[in-house]
Protein backbone atom coordinates (compact mmCIF):
# COMPACT_ATOMS: atom_id res chain seq x y z
CA MET A 1 -4.15 -6.22 -8.80
CA THR A 2 -6.37 -8.14 -11.41
CA GLU A 3 -5.91 -7.56 -15.35
CA GLU A 4 -9.35 -6.29 -15.21
CA LYS A 5 -9.26 -3.64 -12.57
CA GLU A 6 -5.78 -2.21 -14.32
CA GLU A 7 -7.72 -2.28 -17.40
CA ASP A 8 -10.46 -0.46 -15.70
CA GLU A 9 -8.03 2.13 -13.94
CA GLU A 10 -6.00 2.71 -17.41
CA LYS A 11 -9.69 3.81 -19.15
CA LYS A 12 -10.60 5.95 -15.93
CA SER A 13 -6.90 7.67 -16.49
CA GLN A 14 -7.71 7.99 -20.19
CA ASP A 15 -11.13 9.77 -19.25
CA VAL A 16 -9.50 12.14 -16.95
CA GLU A 17 -7.14 13.31 -19.91
CA LYS A 18 -9.79 13.39 -22.44
CA MET A 19 -11.98 15.58 -19.96
CA GLN A 20 -8.80 17.88 -19.04
CA LYS A 21 -8.21 18.25 -22.75
CA VAL A 22 -11.65 19.46 -23.45
CA SER A 23 -12.28 21.53 -20.60
CA GLY A 24 -8.56 22.51 -19.98
CA ILE A 25 -9.41 22.89 -15.92
CA PRO A 26 -7.24 21.08 -13.51
CA MET A 27 -9.26 18.06 -11.61
CA LEU A 28 -9.12 15.57 -8.92
CA ALA A 29 -5.69 16.46 -7.79
CA THR A 30 -5.14 18.14 -4.34
CA MET A 31 -1.96 20.31 -3.62
CA ASP A 32 -0.48 17.71 -1.90
CA ASP A 33 -1.04 15.37 -4.66
CA ILE A 34 0.49 17.70 -6.94
CA LEU A 35 3.50 18.52 -4.67
CA LYS A 36 3.96 14.74 -4.31
CA ALA A 37 4.01 14.29 -8.27
CA LEU A 38 6.57 17.23 -8.64
CA GLY A 39 8.58 15.92 -5.77
CA ILE A 40 9.06 12.39 -7.72
CA LEU A 41 9.50 14.06 -10.97
CA LEU A 42 12.38 16.23 -9.42
CA ASP A 43 14.12 13.01 -8.28
CA LYS A 44 13.95 11.42 -11.51
CA GLY A 45 15.66 14.33 -12.76
CA SER A 46 13.27 16.70 -13.56
CA LYS A 47 11.96 14.40 -16.61
CA ALA A 48 10.12 11.28 -16.94
CA THR A 49 7.76 9.28 -18.50
CA ILE A 50 4.50 8.36 -16.26
CA LYS A 51 5.55 4.87 -16.09
CA GLU A 52 8.37 5.60 -14.57
CA LEU A 53 6.94 8.04 -11.83
CA LEU A 54 3.93 5.57 -11.19
CA GLY A 55 5.77 3.36 -8.79
CA PRO A 56 7.07 6.32 -6.44
CA PHE A 57 3.65 7.43 -6.66
CA GLY A 58 2.12 4.50 -5.44
CA GLY A 59 1.87 2.06 -8.30
CA LYS A 60 -0.85 1.32 -10.80
CA GLY A 61 -3.84 1.85 -8.93
CA ARG A 62 -2.93 5.82 -8.62
CA LYS A 63 -2.26 6.50 -12.47
CA ARG A 64 -5.06 8.40 -12.61
CA LEU A 65 -4.21 10.63 -9.71
CA LEU A 66 -0.85 10.79 -11.03
CA SER A 67 -1.99 11.81 -14.27
CA ALA A 68 -4.44 14.56 -12.79
CA SER A 69 -1.35 15.95 -10.53
CA LEU A 70 0.89 16.40 -13.73
CA ASN A 71 -1.73 18.04 -15.88
CA SER A 72 -2.80 20.20 -12.91
CA ALA A 73 0.96 21.20 -12.43
CA MET A 74 0.87 21.68 -16.26
CA ALA A 75 -2.07 24.06 -16.32
CA TYR A 76 -0.31 26.35 -13.55
CA ASN A 77 3.07 26.36 -15.74
CA LEU A 78 5.04 24.27 -13.46
CA VAL A 79 5.62 21.37 -16.19
CA GLU A 80 5.92 21.86 -19.72
CA PRO A 81 3.15 21.03 -22.03
CA HIS A 82 3.00 17.53 -22.56
CA SER A 83 1.20 15.19 -25.07
CA GLY A 84 1.10 11.15 -26.07
CA ARG A 85 3.81 9.03 -24.03
CA ALA A 86 6.59 11.66 -24.11
CA PRO A 87 8.26 12.22 -20.81
CA PHE A 88 6.76 14.95 -18.48
CA VAL A 89 9.30 17.76 -17.90
CA VAL A 90 9.54 20.02 -14.92
CA SER A 91 9.51 23.95 -16.60
CA GLU A 92 11.61 26.56 -15.86
CA LYS A 93 8.78 27.98 -13.64
CA GLY A 94 8.59 24.77 -12.06
CA LYS A 95 12.24 24.57 -11.34
CA LYS A 96 11.66 28.22 -9.46
CA PHE A 97 9.24 26.70 -7.69
CA LEU A 98 10.95 23.72 -6.37
CA SER A 99 14.01 25.39 -5.53
CA ALA A 100 12.44 27.54 -3.10
CA GLN A 101 13.27 26.17 0.31
CA GLU A 102 10.54 28.13 2.24
CA GLU A 103 6.80 26.99 1.59
CA SER A 104 6.14 30.60 1.51
CA GLY A 105 8.65 30.81 -1.56
CA LYS A 106 7.11 28.33 -3.06
CA LYS A 107 3.67 29.75 -2.49
CA SER A 108 4.91 33.28 -4.43
CA VAL A 109 5.89 31.44 -7.52
CA LEU A 110 2.35 29.70 -7.79
CA LEU A 111 0.28 32.25 -6.56
CA PRO A 112 0.32 34.39 -9.99
CA GLU A 113 -0.04 31.37 -11.96
CA PHE A 114 -2.95 30.32 -10.02
CA VAL A 115 -4.65 33.72 -10.35
CA GLY A 116 -3.82 34.50 -13.72
CA TYR A 117 -4.91 30.86 -14.87
CA LYS A 118 -7.80 31.39 -17.79
CA HIS A 119 -10.35 29.51 -16.53
CA TYR A 120 -10.02 30.71 -13.07
CA ARG A 121 -9.93 34.18 -13.66
CA ASP A 122 -13.73 34.44 -14.38
CA ILE A 123 -14.61 32.89 -10.89
CA PHE A 124 -12.29 35.30 -9.27
CA ILE A 125 -14.07 37.85 -10.61
CA GLN A 126 -17.21 36.83 -9.66
CA MET A 127 -15.96 36.11 -5.93
CA LYS A 128 -14.42 39.89 -6.06
CA ARG A 129 -17.86 41.23 -6.63
CA ALA A 130 -19.84 39.12 -4.44
CA PRO A 131 -20.80 40.01 -0.76
CA ASP A 132 -17.88 39.32 1.58
CA THR A 133 -15.63 38.56 -1.71
CA ALA A 134 -17.02 34.93 -1.06
CA MET A 135 -18.60 32.09 -2.72
CA LYS A 136 -20.38 28.89 -2.04
CA LYS A 137 -18.53 25.63 -3.43
CA GLU A 138 -22.09 24.70 -4.89
CA ALA A 139 -21.86 28.37 -7.00
CA ILE A 140 -18.58 27.70 -8.22
CA THR A 141 -19.53 24.13 -9.30
CA THR A 142 -22.23 25.90 -11.37
CA ALA A 143 -19.95 28.72 -12.65
CA TRP A 144 -17.95 25.90 -14.24
CA ALA A 145 -20.76 25.03 -16.91
CA SER A 146 -20.60 28.70 -18.29
CA ILE A 147 -16.98 28.67 -18.46
CA THR A 148 -16.81 25.15 -20.10
CA GLY A 149 -20.14 25.06 -21.88
CA GLY A 150 -21.32 22.42 -19.84
CA GLY A 151 -20.15 18.86 -18.23
CA LYS A 152 -21.52 16.43 -15.72
CA ILE A 153 -21.70 18.00 -11.95
CA THR A 154 -19.22 15.27 -11.04
CA THR A 155 -16.67 16.58 -13.31
CA ARG A 156 -17.65 20.21 -12.04
CA ARG A 157 -17.34 19.19 -8.39
CA SER A 158 -13.56 17.71 -9.19
CA TYR A 159 -12.75 21.20 -10.75
CA THR A 160 -13.95 22.99 -7.78
CA MET A 161 -12.13 20.41 -5.46
CA THR A 162 -8.33 21.00 -7.23
CA PHE A 163 -9.26 24.80 -7.43
CA ALA A 164 -10.28 24.99 -3.60
CA SER A 165 -7.15 22.77 -2.64
CA VAL A 166 -4.43 24.79 -4.76
CA GLY A 167 -6.01 28.15 -4.18
CA ASP A 168 -6.32 28.01 -0.45
CA TRP A 169 -2.66 26.47 -0.18
CA CYS A 170 -1.08 29.18 -2.54
CA GLY A 171 -3.07 31.81 -0.38
CA ALA A 172 -5.25 32.99 -3.15
CA MET A 173 -8.45 32.03 -1.25
CA LYS A 174 -9.58 30.85 2.16
CA ASP A 175 -11.37 27.17 1.88
CA THR A 176 -13.95 27.09 4.91
CA GLY A 177 -15.35 24.15 3.80
CA LYS A 178 -18.59 25.11 2.10
CA THR A 179 -17.13 28.49 1.03
CA CYS A 180 -14.22 29.94 -0.59
CA SER A 181 -13.46 33.43 0.35
CA LEU A 182 -10.92 35.61 -1.64
CA THR A 183 -7.89 36.89 0.28
CA SER A 184 -6.60 40.38 0.23
CA GLU A 185 -3.43 38.86 -1.58
CA GLY A 186 -5.24 37.04 -4.12
CA GLU A 187 -7.27 40.13 -4.56
CA SER A 188 -4.09 42.14 -5.25
CA VAL A 189 -2.71 39.61 -7.70
CA LEU A 190 -6.08 39.86 -9.72
CA GLU A 191 -6.02 43.29 -9.79
CA GLN A 192 -2.61 43.47 -11.41
CA ILE A 193 -3.08 40.93 -13.60
CA LEU A 194 -6.52 42.33 -14.88
CA LYS A 195 -4.50 45.68 -15.71
CA GLY A 196 -1.73 43.86 -17.20
CA GLU A 197 0.77 44.97 -14.76
CA GLU A 198 3.89 42.82 -13.84
CA VAL A 199 2.64 40.86 -10.56
CA SER A 200 4.64 41.48 -7.50
CA VAL A 201 4.10 39.05 -4.52
CA GLY A 202 7.07 39.19 -2.80
CA LYS A 203 10.70 37.80 -3.06
CA ILE A 204 10.62 34.12 -4.38
CA ILE A 205 13.83 33.28 -2.32
CA GLN A 206 14.26 34.48 1.22
CA PRO A 207 17.65 33.85 2.00
CA GLN A 208 19.27 33.30 5.17
CA LYS A 209 22.76 34.21 6.31
CA PRO A 210 25.52 34.14 3.43
CA VAL A 211 26.95 30.58 2.86
CA THR A 212 30.04 29.97 0.60
CA GLY A 213 28.92 26.23 -0.63
CA PRO A 214 26.00 25.01 -2.51
CA ILE A 215 22.58 24.00 -0.87
CA PRO A 216 20.76 21.13 -2.09
CA ILE A 217 17.01 21.80 -2.52
CA SER A 218 15.32 18.31 -2.67
CA ALA A 219 15.81 16.54 0.49
CA ILE A 220 17.94 14.16 -1.29
CA GLY A 221 20.19 16.70 -3.11
CA ALA A 222 22.69 14.88 -5.54
CA ALA A 223 23.30 12.16 -3.03
CA TYR A 224 22.75 9.45 -5.25
CA CYS A 225 21.38 8.73 -8.75
CA PRO A 226 17.75 8.64 -8.86
CA PHE A 227 17.48 5.92 -11.78
CA CYS A 228 19.83 3.14 -10.13
CA THR A 229 20.42 4.89 -6.64
CA LYS A 230 24.07 4.34 -6.73
CA THR A 231 26.42 6.93 -4.96
CA ASP A 232 28.73 6.90 -8.00
CA ILE A 233 28.10 10.35 -9.48
CA ASP A 234 30.12 13.51 -10.66
CA PRO A 235 28.77 16.68 -11.55
CA LYS A 236 29.06 17.53 -15.30
CA ASN A 237 27.83 21.42 -16.12
CA GLU A 238 25.77 23.74 -14.87
CA LYS A 239 23.29 26.60 -15.81
CA LEU A 240 22.21 29.75 -14.12
CA LEU A 241 18.36 30.25 -14.01
CA ASP A 242 17.89 33.26 -11.84
CA LYS A 243 19.31 35.76 -9.39
CA VAL A 244 17.51 37.08 -6.36
CA THR A 245 19.20 40.20 -4.71
CA THR A 246 17.88 41.10 -1.18
CA GLY A 247 20.37 43.44 0.59
CA GLU A 248 23.72 42.66 0.21
CA VAL A 249 23.34 39.20 -0.65
CA THR A 250 22.50 37.63 -3.98
CA THR A 251 21.18 33.87 -4.17
CA LEU A 252 21.79 32.26 -7.53
CA ILE A 253 19.32 29.31 -8.66
CA ILE A 254 21.36 26.80 -10.40
CA GLU A 255 20.31 23.92 -12.66
CA ARG A 256 23.47 21.29 -12.08
CA THR A 257 23.83 18.63 -14.27
CA PHE A 258 25.23 15.28 -12.68
CA TYR A 259 26.59 11.91 -14.51
CA CYS A 260 25.89 8.53 -12.92
CA ARG A 261 29.08 6.18 -13.60
CA ALA A 262 27.05 3.14 -12.46
CA CYS A 263 24.22 3.48 -14.78
CA ALA A 264 25.54 6.09 -17.46
CA ARG A 265 22.80 8.11 -17.27
CA GLU A 266 22.40 12.12 -16.72
CA PHE A 267 20.12 13.53 -14.02
CA THR A 268 19.83 17.26 -12.76
CA ARG A 269 19.27 18.92 -9.78
CA VAL A 270 18.13 22.66 -8.85
CA VAL A 271 20.28 24.12 -5.99
CA GLN A 272 20.59 27.68 -4.55
CA GLN A 273 23.84 29.23 -3.47
CA ALA A 274 24.22 32.53 -1.62
CA VAL A 275 27.15 34.79 -2.41
CA GLY A 276 28.33 38.32 -1.37
CA ILE A 277 27.34 41.72 -2.78
CA LYS A 278 25.88 41.44 -6.53
CA PRO A 279 28.06 39.18 -8.17
CA ASN A 280 28.56 39.52 -11.94
CA VAL A 281 27.22 36.58 -13.23
CA ALA A 282 26.61 36.18 -17.00
CA ASP A 283 22.81 35.01 -17.58
């Protein structure tokens, strides 16, 4: 990439961040982009600067998309609030999301965050009142103008793209191409949120048969250091994040910290461990 193209990409990335700060609405990124960005962030120890994430994400030419993906994850509370050049950090909610082995578990974490996102609720209310609980994407794109106080149509279309992609993935709506329709599960979550109730969308983790050892959550687990890729690593400490009980099986969601002897750096992994009947584990 030439220096001129790098500067142009840097400017576009800054423009994305600027627009997102003004409106707060996720834009440009699809759910696949968000999942990829979160996966790379997890492999870097759940904390990394955008510069450290850029290479695995695809290089400098994809900086704008990486920035949009991380900002979208932040809007859905999967990444902690971020500003400036500080590292991006996976939030506690994000760790639960990433620790779910099954896709359905991830969706159950994201669904209430997505439906409850402040700028989306107005759209969902309009969708609920519409015939067949559906809205054309053109109408959704128009609706952003009243929510944000204006904005270019190209920007508002990018809001709709992300809204439709993530909403369809987590089960809040069905994206049929030109139309988005509210699902029964999405409507149920919306009703609970509007009533101020605690949202219930099923168990986050559906454990299988009881096991005695830890199960790595990412494909890589803690097989090697995400910074130097060496395998000379030692466990350092662990922290209990959550407990999910189904029948006689309790699944512990644990954040483990490892130390790499090769590069003298620490990194974390979120794992789950299924144990017997309701163990007495301190929070």
